[in-house]
C-alpha atoms as a PDB file:
ATOM      1  CA  MET A   1       0.000   0.000   0.000  1.00  0.00           C
ATOM      2  CA  THR A   2       1.363   3.397  -0.964  1.00  0.00           C
ATOM      3  CA  LYS A   3       1.516   6.327   1.435  1.00  0.00           C
ATOM      4  CA  GLU A   4      -1.378   7.985  -0.434  1.00  0.00           C
ATOM      5  CA  GLU A   5      -3.506   4.820  -0.223  1.00  0.00           C
ATOM      6  CA  SER A   6      -2.719   4.546   3.481  1.00  0.00           C
ATOM      7  CA  SER A   7      -3.845   8.135   4.008  1.00  0.00           C
ATOM      8  CA  ILE A   8      -7.107   7.449   2.142  1.00  0.00           C
ATOM      9  CA  ASP A   9      -7.566   4.289   4.199  1.00  0.00           C
ATOM     10  CA  ARG A  10      -7.290   6.214   7.487  1.00  0.00           C
ATOM     11  CA  ARG A  11      -9.541   9.035   6.294  1.00  0.00           C
ATOM     12  CA  CYS A  12     -12.213   6.629   5.064  1.00  0.00           C
ATOM     13  CA  ARG A  13     -12.091   4.511   8.219  1.00  0.00           C
ATOM     14  CA  LEU A  14     -12.588   7.677  10.274  1.00  0.00           C
ATOM     15  CA  ALA A  15     -15.488   8.683   8.007  1.00  0.00           C
ATOM     16  CA  LEU A  16     -17.059   5.248   8.553  1.00  0.00           C
ATOM     17  CA  LEU A  17     -16.814   5.678  12.316  1.00  0.00           C
ATOM     18  CA  GLU A  18     -18.394   9.119  12.059  1.00  0.00           C
ATOM     19  CA  ALA A  19     -21.162   7.694   9.869  1.00  0.00           C
ATOM     20  CA  LYS A  20     -21.785   4.994  12.458  1.00  0.00           C
ATOM     21  CA  GLY A  21     -22.094   7.665  15.150  1.00  0.00           C
ATOM     22  CA  ALA A  22     -24.430   9.812  13.040  1.00  0.00           C
ATOM     23  CA  ALA A  23     -26.626   6.803  12.247  1.00  0.00           C
ATOM     24  CA  ALA A  24     -26.887   6.049  15.964  1.00  0.00           C
ATOM     25  CA  GLN A  25     -27.856   9.684  16.606  1.00  0.00           C
ATOM     26  CA  ILE A  26     -30.622   9.405  14.003  1.00  0.00           C
ATOM     27  CA  VAL A  27     -31.926   6.209  15.629  1.00  0.00           C
ATOM     28  CA  HIS A  28     -31.852   7.792  19.104  1.00  0.00           C
ATOM     29  CA  GLY A  29     -33.451  11.027  17.884  1.00  0.00           C
ATOM     30  CA  THR A  30     -30.563  13.302  18.870  1.00  0.00           C
ATOM     31  CA  ILE A  31     -30.265  14.600  15.294  1.00  0.00           C
ATOM     32  CA  SER A  32     -32.948  14.819  12.635  1.00  0.00           C
ATOM     33  CA  PRO A  33     -32.997  12.280   9.811  1.00  0.00           C
ATOM     34  CA  GLU A  34     -32.364  15.136   7.382  1.00  0.00           C
ATOM     35  CA  ASP A  35     -29.290  16.434   9.239  1.00  0.00           C
ATOM     36  CA  GLY A  36     -28.002  12.902   9.733  1.00  0.00           C
ATOM     37  CA  ALA A  37     -28.393  11.975   6.063  1.00  0.00           C
ATOM     38  CA  ARG A  38     -26.558  15.136   5.028  1.00  0.00           C
ATOM     39  CA  LYS A  39     -23.776  14.513   7.536  1.00  0.00           C
ATOM     40  CA  ILE A  40     -23.271  10.894   6.497  1.00  0.00           C
ATOM     41  CA  GLY A  41     -23.502  11.685   2.790  1.00  0.00           C
ATOM     42  CA  SER A  42     -20.987  14.517   2.979  1.00  0.00           C
ATOM     43  CA  GLU A  43     -18.451  12.707   5.173  1.00  0.00           C
ATOM     44  CA  LEU A  44     -17.896   9.827   2.761  1.00  0.00           C
ATOM     45  CA  GLY A  45     -17.438  11.562  -0.561  1.00  0.00           C
ATOM     46  CA  GLY A  46     -14.510   9.961  -2.360  1.00  0.00           C
ATOM     47  CA  CYS A  47     -14.433   6.853  -0.160  1.00  0.00           C
ATOM     48  CA  TYR A  48     -16.938   4.643  -1.975  1.00  0.00           C
ATOM     49  CA  ASN A  49     -14.431   3.235  -4.473  1.00  0.00           C
ATOM     50  CA  PHE A  50     -11.939   2.586  -1.689  1.00  0.00           C
ATOM     51  CA  LEU A  51     -14.460   0.871   0.568  1.00  0.00           C
ATOM     52  CA  GLY A  52     -15.656  -1.620  -2.051  1.00  0.00           C
ATOM     53  CA  GLN A  53     -19.137  -3.084  -2.361  1.00  0.00           C
ATOM     54  CA  ASP A  54     -21.110  -4.607   0.453  1.00  0.00           C
ATOM     55  CA  ASP A  55     -24.383  -3.992   2.277  1.00  0.00           C
ATOM     56  CA  LEU A  56     -22.836  -1.440   4.636  1.00  0.00           C
ATOM     57  CA  VAL A  57     -21.366   0.636   1.798  1.00  0.00           C
ATOM     58  CA  ASP A  58     -24.634   0.409  -0.162  1.00  0.00           C
ATOM     59  CA  LEU A  59     -26.447   1.929   2.810  1.00  0.00           C
ATOM     60  CA  LEU A  60     -23.896   4.734   2.985  1.00  0.00           C
ATOM     61  CA  GLY A  61     -24.622   5.566  -0.631  1.00  0.00           C
ATOM     62  CA  ALA A  62     -28.332   5.649   0.172  1.00  0.00           C
ATOM     63  CA  PHE A  63     -27.757   8.456   2.691  1.00  0.00           C
ATOM     64  CA  SER A  64     -26.296  10.630  -0.076  1.00  0.00           C
ATOM     65  CA  GLY A  65     -29.402   9.943  -2.128  1.00  0.00           C
ATOM     66  CA  TYR A  66     -31.646  10.866   0.785  1.00  0.00           C
ATOM     67  CA  ALA A  67     -29.773  14.137   1.268  1.00  0.00           C
ATOM     68  CA  ASP A  68     -30.428  14.962  -2.386  1.00  0.00           C
ATOM     69  CA  LEU A  69     -34.112  14.070  -2.006  1.00  0.00           C
ATOM     70  CA  TYR A  70     -34.460  16.447   0.930  1.00  0.00           C
ATOM     71  CA  GLN A  71     -33.274  19.289  -1.288  1.00  0.00           C
ATOM     72  CA  GLU A  72     -35.749  18.350  -4.007  1.00  0.00           C
ATOM     73  CA  LYS A  73     -38.753  17.720  -1.746  1.00  0.00           C
ATOM     74  CA  VAL A  74     -38.299  20.428   0.863  1.00  0.00           C
ATOM     75  CA  LEU A  75     -41.632  22.080   0.014  1.00  0.00           C
ATOM     76  CA  ASN A  76     -43.762  18.933   0.330  1.00  0.00           C
ATOM     77  CA  PRO A  77     -44.249  17.906   3.995  1.00  0.00           C
ATOM     78  CA  SER A  78     -45.720  14.468   3.229  1.00  0.00           C
ATOM     79  CA  GLU A  79     -42.792  13.536   0.984  1.00  0.00           C
ATOM     80  CA  LYS A  80     -40.333  14.821   3.598  1.00  0.00           C
ATOM     81  CA  GLN A  81     -42.034  12.642   6.206  1.00  0.00           C
ATOM     82  CA  ALA A  82     -41.668   9.589   3.941  1.00  0.00           C
ATOM     83  CA  ILE A  83     -37.966  10.361   3.427  1.00  0.00           C
ATOM     84  CA  ASP A  84     -37.522  10.778   7.215  1.00  0.00           C
ATOM     85  CA  SER A  85     -39.007   7.315   7.698  1.00  0.00           C
ATOM     86  CA  ASP A  86     -36.706   5.785   5.073  1.00  0.00           C
ATOM     87  CA  VAL A  87     -33.643   7.474   6.606  1.00  0.00           C
ATOM     88  CA  LEU A  88     -34.572   6.163  10.059  1.00  0.00           C
ATOM     89  CA  LYS A  89     -34.944   2.611   8.694  1.00  0.00           C
ATOM     90  CA  SER A  90     -31.596   2.859   6.897  1.00  0.00           C
ATOM     91  CA  ALA A  91     -29.899   4.279   9.995  1.00  0.00           C
ATOM     92  CA  LEU A  92     -31.213   1.402  12.078  1.00  0.00           C
ATOM     93  CA  GLU A  93     -30.038  -1.137   9.510  1.00  0.00           C
ATOM     94  CA  PHE A  94     -26.661   0.594   9.255  1.00  0.00           C
ATOM     95  CA  THR A  95     -26.115   0.565  13.023  1.00  0.00           C
ATOM     96  CA  GLU A  96     -27.023  -3.129  13.172  1.00  0.00           C
ATOM     97  CA  LEU A  97     -24.623  -4.028  10.355  1.00  0.00           C
ATOM     98  CA  ALA A  98     -21.849  -1.788  11.712  1.00  0.00           C
ATOM     99  CA  ALA A  99     -22.155  -3.274  15.212  1.00  0.00           C
ATOM    100  CA  GLY A 100     -20.910  -6.599  13.906  1.00  0.00           C
ATOM    101  CA  ARG A 101     -17.866  -5.137  12.168  1.00  0.00           C
ATOM    102  CA  GLU A 102     -14.654  -3.605  13.353  1.00  0.00           C
ATOM    103  CA  LEU A 103     -14.550  -0.221  11.651  1.00  0.00           C
ATOM    104  CA  GLY A 104     -11.635   1.297  13.515  1.00  0.00           C
END
C-alpha cells in the first residue's frame, strides 16, 4: 500500500466511524434524519471506491441519495415525512450491520 492509499484508508475509516455515530444519533433522535443523512452523505465523498461493495457501503450511498431528495422535496411535507421514515430505517439497519464489524 502506498503512502497515499494509506492516508485514504485512514480518512475513510474515520469517516465510517463518524457515519456509524451519526446513524446512531438518528436512531436515538438526537439529530434529525435530514441532518443525519446530510452529515453521512458529505463525510464519505470519495471513499466509496476505496471501501468496495457490500451492504454497509450500499447503505452509505443511500444516505447521499436521501440528502439529495431532501433538497428536491423540501416544500412537500408528506414527501419529507416519507424520506424521514426511510432514513430512520436505513440508519437502524446501518447501526445493526456496523455493530458486527470492526470499523476502527
